C-alpha cells in the first residue's frame, strides 16, 4: 500500500505506525502529480491546497483521502465528488478550542477588553460599566460537532442558544430548538449573537449578507469561525460603518491573509484573528493521531471515522 502525504512547510510527526504498514511518499503541490500514481491513500496535510484537482488524472489507484481539517470545501471538485474515492475529515479535533474561542470573543465584547487594552497602552484610568453574558441569546449557524460544543459552552455561562441548520426540529439535546438556516433573516433579530460555524457549501455561501445583517439588532454582534465566504464582506463593512450592528469577531475571511487595505482593520469594534480559532497547542499531534487511527482501521477492514458525505460537503452523521 502506498500512502502519499500532501504537505506544505509543516511535515506531520507521529506517523511511524503508518510507515510500518505502507510505503509513505511526501509531496508538495508542485510534486503531487508525480507522487500520485500507485497511491492508494492520500493525506491532505496542506488542507488549504487546491493541488489535487490539477493532479487528479494521475490518481490511478486512489481509494481514500483524509483531510487534516474539519472543512473540506477546498477539496470537493467534481471529479472527486463523482468518484468512488472515500473522503474523511478531522472532525472532533477542533470542537473544544473553537468553542472556547467563540466564548472568549463574546467575553471580549461584553467586558470591553479591547478598549481596556487601548486605555492601558495610554496609561488612562477610565471607569466603565460592562455587559453580562448571562441572559443574552445566540443563534449558532451550523449544528455539527463544533456547533454543538459551542452551544454547550455558551449554555454553561447562561447564554440562551438556538441552532440553525438544514432541518427544523424541537427537542434537540444540545440546541433545544433548531431553526431553518434558510429562514435566518426572519428570527436573527431576536438574538444578541450570531455565531457562524457552518461548513461552506453552495447553500451556505454568502448566507449572511445585507438582508440578514439588516435584520440583526443594532446591539448584536457577529462571530465567524466557519468560513469567510459565509459572509458577504462588503455588506458586513457597510453594516459596521452604519452601526446597524454593534461589532464582529472574525477568524476567517473571503481572502486570506486579510489584505492590509481591507477596511475591516480600522474598526475598533471588529476583532480580527488569522484563522487560528481551532489551533490550540498540540493540534497537529492530534491530527496525526486521528489519521494513524484511521489507517489502522483501513488496514483492518474496519469502518473509517468521519466519512464525509461528498454531496453535502460534511460528515452527515457519526461515523
Protein backbone atom coordinates (compact mmCIF):
# COMPACT_ATOMS: atom_id res chain seq x y z
CA UNK A 1 0.00 0.00 0.00
CA UNK A 2 1.26 3.48 -0.87
CA UNK A 3 0.31 6.46 1.27
CA UNK A 4 1.10 9.93 -0.07
CA UNK A 5 1.17 12.98 2.18
CA UNK A 6 0.48 16.36 0.59
CA UNK A 7 2.20 18.90 2.83
CA UNK A 8 3.41 22.49 2.89
CA UNK A 9 6.24 23.68 5.14
CA UNK A 10 4.91 21.67 8.11
CA UNK A 11 5.53 17.93 8.00
CA UNK A 12 3.39 15.73 10.25
CA UNK A 13 5.06 13.88 13.12
CA UNK A 14 3.99 10.65 14.77
CA UNK A 15 3.33 8.62 11.62
CA UNK A 16 5.62 5.71 12.49
CA UNK A 17 2.68 3.32 12.60
CA UNK A 18 1.78 4.29 9.03
CA UNK A 19 5.35 3.82 7.80
CA UNK A 20 5.34 0.28 9.23
CA UNK A 21 2.38 -0.81 7.09
CA UNK A 22 2.82 1.28 3.95
CA UNK A 23 5.26 2.97 1.65
CA UNK A 24 4.98 6.67 2.50
CA UNK A 25 5.61 9.36 -0.08
CA UNK A 26 5.83 13.07 0.68
CA UNK A 27 4.70 15.60 -1.91
CA UNK A 28 4.11 19.31 -2.20
CA UNK A 29 1.63 20.96 -4.53
CA UNK A 30 4.31 21.06 -7.23
CA UNK A 31 5.20 17.35 -6.98
CA UNK A 32 1.82 15.79 -6.18
CA UNK A 33 1.16 14.62 -9.75
CA UNK A 34 4.46 12.72 -9.70
CA UNK A 35 3.66 11.04 -6.38
CA UNK A 36 0.06 10.03 -7.05
CA UNK A 37 0.48 7.08 -9.45
CA UNK A 38 0.01 3.92 -7.41
CA UNK A 39 -1.13 5.88 -4.34
CA UNK A 40 -4.00 4.20 -2.50
CA UNK A 41 -4.33 6.64 0.42
CA UNK A 42 -3.77 10.41 0.34
CA UNK A 43 -3.35 12.52 3.47
CA UNK A 44 -4.08 16.16 2.65
CA UNK A 45 -1.98 17.74 5.39
CA UNK A 46 -1.80 21.01 3.41
CA UNK A 47 -5.55 21.39 3.88
CA UNK A 48 -5.91 24.70 2.01
CA UNK A 49 -4.25 23.31 -1.12
CA UNK A 50 -6.14 23.00 -4.41
CA UNK A 51 -3.37 20.88 -5.93
CA UNK A 52 -5.32 17.62 -6.07
CA UNK A 53 -7.74 18.82 -8.74
CA UNK A 54 -4.90 19.60 -11.15
CA UNK A 55 -3.14 16.32 -10.32
CA UNK A 56 -6.33 14.23 -10.41
CA UNK A 57 -5.60 12.47 -13.75
CA UNK A 58 -2.55 10.88 -12.08
CA UNK A 59 -4.68 9.34 -9.29
CA UNK A 60 -4.91 5.89 -10.85
CA UNK A 61 -5.19 3.83 -7.64
CA UNK A 62 -6.66 6.24 -5.11
CA UNK A 63 -9.29 4.80 -2.75
CA UNK A 64 -9.30 7.08 0.30
CA UNK A 65 -8.44 10.71 1.07
CA UNK A 66 -8.10 12.03 4.61
CA UNK A 67 -8.10 15.80 5.19
CA UNK A 68 -6.31 17.30 8.20
CA UNK A 69 -9.14 19.80 8.72
CA UNK A 70 -12.82 19.87 9.57
CA UNK A 71 -13.83 21.73 6.39
CA UNK A 72 -13.38 20.02 3.03
CA UNK A 73 -14.68 22.78 0.75
CA UNK A 74 -11.29 23.33 -0.92
CA UNK A 75 -11.15 19.66 -1.92
CA UNK A 76 -14.54 18.73 -3.32
CA UNK A 77 -14.16 19.29 -7.06
CA UNK A 78 -16.48 17.45 -9.44
CA UNK A 79 -14.05 14.68 -10.37
CA UNK A 80 -13.61 13.65 -6.75
CA UNK A 81 -17.27 14.09 -5.79
CA UNK A 82 -18.39 11.85 -8.65
CA UNK A 83 -15.75 9.19 -7.97
CA UNK A 84 -15.77 6.19 -5.62
CA UNK A 85 -12.92 7.65 -3.53
CA UNK A 86 -13.85 7.90 0.15
CA UNK A 87 -13.15 11.21 1.91
CA UNK A 88 -12.72 11.57 5.66
CA UNK A 89 -12.02 14.69 7.70
CA UNK A 90 -10.66 15.61 11.13
CA UNK A 91 -13.95 16.19 12.85
CA UNK A 92 -13.60 16.27 16.63
CA UNK A 93 -10.11 17.77 16.83
CA UNK A 94 -11.17 21.41 16.79
CA UNK A 95 -14.51 21.34 18.62
CA UNK A 96 -13.49 22.49 22.09
CA UNK A 97 -10.80 25.00 21.03
CA UNK A 98 -13.21 26.72 18.64
CA UNK A 99 -15.96 26.77 21.25
CA UNK A 100 -13.56 28.37 23.75
CA UNK A 101 -12.52 30.91 21.09
CA UNK A 102 -16.16 31.87 20.49
CA UNK A 103 -16.73 32.31 24.22
CA UNK A 104 -13.55 34.37 24.50
CA UNK A 105 -14.72 36.63 21.67
CA UNK A 106 -18.07 37.16 23.33
CA UNK A 107 -16.43 37.93 26.67
CA UNK A 108 -14.04 40.34 24.98
CA UNK A 109 -17.01 42.31 23.66
CA UNK A 110 -19.12 42.06 26.81
CA UNK A 111 -16.29 43.09 29.12
CA UNK A 112 -14.90 45.74 26.75
CA UNK A 113 -11.45 44.11 26.75
CA UNK A 114 -10.13 45.77 23.56
CA UNK A 115 -10.89 49.24 24.93
CA UNK A 116 -9.24 48.34 28.26
CA UNK A 117 -6.08 47.36 26.40
CA UNK A 118 -6.11 50.59 24.40
CA UNK A 119 -6.57 52.63 27.59
CA UNK A 120 -3.81 50.67 29.28
CA UNK A 121 -1.46 51.48 26.40
CA UNK A 122 -2.22 55.16 27.03
CA UNK A 123 -2.00 54.78 30.84
CA UNK A 124 -5.54 56.08 31.14
CA UNK A 125 -7.76 55.20 34.11
CA UNK A 126 -11.34 55.31 32.83
CA UNK A 127 -14.08 53.50 34.72
CA UNK A 128 -16.88 51.96 32.64
CA UNK A 129 -19.76 49.58 33.09
CA UNK A 130 -19.70 46.38 31.08
CA UNK A 131 -22.23 43.86 29.87
CA UNK A 132 -23.25 40.47 31.25
CA UNK A 133 -23.33 37.41 29.03
CA UNK A 134 -25.87 35.55 31.14
CA UNK A 135 -29.34 36.27 29.87
CA UNK A 136 -28.27 37.06 26.31
CA UNK A 137 -29.13 34.76 23.43
CA UNK A 138 -27.22 33.36 20.48
CA UNK A 139 -28.01 31.75 17.16
CA UNK A 140 -25.39 29.15 16.24
CA UNK A 141 -25.48 28.53 12.49
CA UNK A 142 -24.14 25.03 11.98
CA UNK A 143 -25.38 22.13 14.06
CA UNK A 144 -22.46 19.73 13.61
CA UNK A 145 -19.95 18.73 16.26
CA UNK A 146 -18.34 22.17 16.56
CA UNK A 147 -21.68 23.95 16.77
CA UNK A 148 -22.82 21.57 19.49
CA UNK A 149 -19.68 22.14 21.52
CA UNK A 150 -20.23 25.90 21.21
CA UNK A 151 -23.86 25.51 22.32
CA UNK A 152 -22.88 23.52 25.42
CA UNK A 153 -20.22 26.00 26.48
CA UNK A 154 -22.48 29.02 25.98
CA UNK A 155 -25.30 27.43 27.92
CA UNK A 156 -22.88 26.82 30.80
CA UNK A 157 -22.40 30.59 31.18
CA UNK A 158 -26.09 31.39 30.95
CA UNK A 159 -26.44 32.22 27.26
CA UNK A 160 -29.66 31.01 25.65
CA UNK A 161 -28.88 29.14 22.43
CA UNK A 162 -30.82 28.07 19.36
CA UNK A 163 -29.38 26.28 16.38
CA UNK A 164 -29.78 26.97 12.69
CA UNK A 165 -29.47 24.08 10.27
CA UNK A 166 -30.89 22.31 7.24
CA UNK A 167 -33.83 20.82 9.14
CA UNK A 168 -36.13 22.48 11.68
CA UNK A 169 -36.75 20.47 14.84
CA UNK A 170 -37.55 20.69 18.55
CA UNK A 171 -36.11 18.80 21.47
CA UNK A 172 -32.54 18.77 20.19
CA UNK A 173 -30.25 17.64 23.05
CA UNK A 174 -27.78 20.50 22.55
CA UNK A 175 -29.76 23.33 20.98
CA UNK A 176 -33.28 22.71 22.17
CA UNK A 177 -34.72 24.38 19.08
CA UNK A 178 -33.16 24.18 15.64
CA UNK A 179 -34.50 26.68 13.12
CA UNK A 180 -34.05 26.62 9.35
CA UNK A 181 -30.86 28.37 8.34
CA UNK A 182 -32.62 29.39 5.11
CA UNK A 183 -35.01 31.47 7.26
CA UNK A 184 -32.25 33.17 9.29
CA UNK A 185 -33.43 36.64 8.34
CA UNK A 186 -36.81 36.05 9.98
CA UNK A 187 -35.53 35.33 13.50
CA UNK A 188 -31.96 36.63 13.81
CA UNK A 189 -33.35 39.90 15.18
CA UNK A 190 -34.50 38.10 18.32
CA UNK A 191 -30.92 37.34 19.40
CA UNK A 192 -27.79 39.13 20.62
CA UNK A 193 -25.14 36.98 18.96
CA UNK A 194 -24.90 35.40 15.53
CA UNK A 195 -22.26 32.66 15.53
CA UNK A 196 -21.25 31.24 12.15
CA UNK A 197 -19.69 27.78 12.14
CA UNK A 198 -21.47 26.15 9.19
CA UNK A 199 -19.45 24.33 6.52
CA UNK A 200 -19.01 26.13 3.21
CA UNK A 201 -21.37 24.66 0.61
CA UNK A 202 -23.41 26.03 -2.29
CA UNK A 203 -26.27 26.51 0.17
CA UNK A 204 -24.27 28.38 2.83
CA UNK A 205 -22.04 30.58 0.67
CA UNK A 206 -22.86 34.27 1.34
CA UNK A 207 -25.82 33.32 3.54
CA UNK A 208 -25.14 36.37 5.71
CA UNK A 209 -25.48 39.43 3.55
CA UNK A 210 -27.28 42.76 3.53
CA UNK A 211 -30.73 41.37 4.43
CA UNK A 212 -29.62 39.21 7.36
CA UNK A 213 -27.33 41.93 8.71
CA UNK A 214 -30.12 44.49 8.45
CA UNK A 215 -32.41 42.18 10.42
CA UNK A 216 -29.98 41.92 13.36
CA UNK A 217 -30.33 44.04 16.47
CA UNK A 218 -28.17 47.19 16.43
CA UNK A 219 -26.66 45.86 19.69
CA UNK A 220 -25.91 42.42 18.24
CA UNK A 221 -22.53 41.07 17.19
CA UNK A 222 -21.47 38.60 14.52
CA UNK A 223 -18.85 35.93 15.20
CA UNK A 224 -17.49 33.96 12.24
CA UNK A 225 -15.30 30.92 12.92
CA UNK A 226 -16.60 28.88 9.98
CA UNK A 227 -15.52 30.11 6.57
CA UNK A 228 -15.06 33.67 5.35
CA UNK A 229 -17.32 33.01 2.38
CA UNK A 230 -20.32 32.52 4.66
CA UNK A 231 -20.49 36.33 4.98
CA UNK A 232 -20.59 38.98 2.25
CA UNK A 233 -17.63 41.12 3.25
CA UNK A 234 -18.81 44.31 1.61
CA UNK A 235 -22.19 44.09 3.32
CA UNK A 236 -20.53 43.47 6.68
CA UNK A 237 -18.29 46.51 6.24
CA UNK A 238 -21.35 48.62 5.39
CA UNK A 239 -23.16 47.35 8.50
CA UNK A 240 -20.21 48.17 10.74
CA UNK A 241 -19.81 51.64 9.21
CA UNK A 242 -23.52 52.44 9.60
CA UNK A 243 -23.59 50.92 13.11
CA UNK A 244 -26.53 48.73 12.17
CA UNK A 245 -24.76 46.02 14.19
CA UNK A 246 -22.51 46.54 17.21
CA UNK A 247 -19.45 44.65 16.04
CA UNK A 248 -17.92 41.46 14.70
CA UNK A 249 -15.26 38.92 15.69
CA UNK A 250 -13.76 37.42 12.56
CA UNK A 251 -11.34 34.50 12.44
CA UNK A 252 -11.96 33.66 8.78
CA UNK A 253 -12.17 35.81 5.66
CA UNK A 254 -13.06 35.59 2.00
CA UNK A 255 -9.44 36.43 1.19
CA UNK A 256 -6.73 35.07 3.48
CA UNK A 257 -4.45 36.52 4.66
CA UNK A 258 -6.71 39.54 5.09
CA UNK A 259 -5.27 42.25 2.80
CA UNK A 260 -3.69 45.22 4.54
CA UNK A 261 -6.00 47.55 2.64
CA UNK A 262 -9.17 45.87 3.96
CA UNK A 263 -11.40 48.38 5.81
CA UNK A 264 -12.04 45.71 8.46
CA UNK A 265 -8.65 46.50 10.03
CA UNK A 266 -9.66 50.03 11.00
CA UNK A 267 -12.79 49.33 13.05
CA UNK A 268 -12.37 49.36 16.81
CA UNK A 269 -15.43 47.13 17.19
CA UNK A 270 -14.07 44.39 14.91
CA UNK A 271 -11.83 41.68 16.37
CA UNK A 272 -9.54 40.08 13.79
CA UNK A 273 -7.59 36.85 14.19
CA UNK A 274 -5.69 34.89 11.49
CA UNK A 275 -7.75 31.69 11.11
CA UNK A 276 -6.50 30.28 14.42
CA UNK A 277 -9.62 29.54 16.45
CA UNK A 278 -9.09 25.77 16.41
CA UNK A 279 -5.32 25.72 16.68
CA UNK A 280 -4.78 25.02 20.38
CA UNK A 281 -1.29 23.78 21.24
CA UNK A 282 -0.81 20.16 20.22
CA UNK A 283 -3.38 20.34 17.41
CA UNK A 284 -1.01 18.92 14.78
CA UNK A 285 -0.21 15.95 17.04
CA UNK A 286 -3.91 15.30 17.50
CA UNK A 287 -4.47 15.48 13.75
CA UNK A 288 -1.70 12.95 13.12
CA UNK A 289 -3.05 10.61 15.80
CA UNK A 290 -6.50 10.65 14.21
CA UNK A 291 -5.03 9.78 10.80
CA UNK A 292 -2.99 6.91 12.29
CA UNK A 293 -6.13 5.56 13.93
CA UNK A 294 -7.98 5.68 10.63
CA UNK A 295 -5.10 3.98 8.80
CA UNK A 296 -5.21 1.16 11.33
CA UNK A 297 -8.95 0.85 10.74
CA UNK A 298 -8.41 0.88 6.98
CA UNK A 299 -5.80 -1.88 7.10
CA UNK A 300 -8.02 -3.98 9.39
CA UNK A 301 -11.01 -3.51 7.10
CA UNK A 302 -12.97 -1.66 9.76
CA UNK A 303 -15.19 1.37 9.17
CA UNK A 304 -13.39 4.68 8.87
CA UNK A 305 -14.09 7.57 11.23
CA UNK A 306 -15.53 10.84 9.91
CA UNK A 307 -16.65 9.77 6.44
CA UNK A 308 -17.74 12.87 4.52
CA UNK A 309 -20.95 12.97 2.51
CA UNK A 310 -19.37 14.35 -0.65
CA UNK A 311 -22.68 15.66 -1.99
CA UNK A 312 -23.40 17.65 1.17
CA UNK A 313 -19.80 18.60 1.93
CA UNK A 314 -19.58 17.46 5.53
CA UNK A 315 -19.92 14.46 7.86
CA UNK A 316 -23.68 13.93 7.89
CA UNK A 317 -23.73 11.66 10.94
CA UNK A 318 -21.37 9.98 13.40
CA UNK A 319 -19.22 7.51 11.56
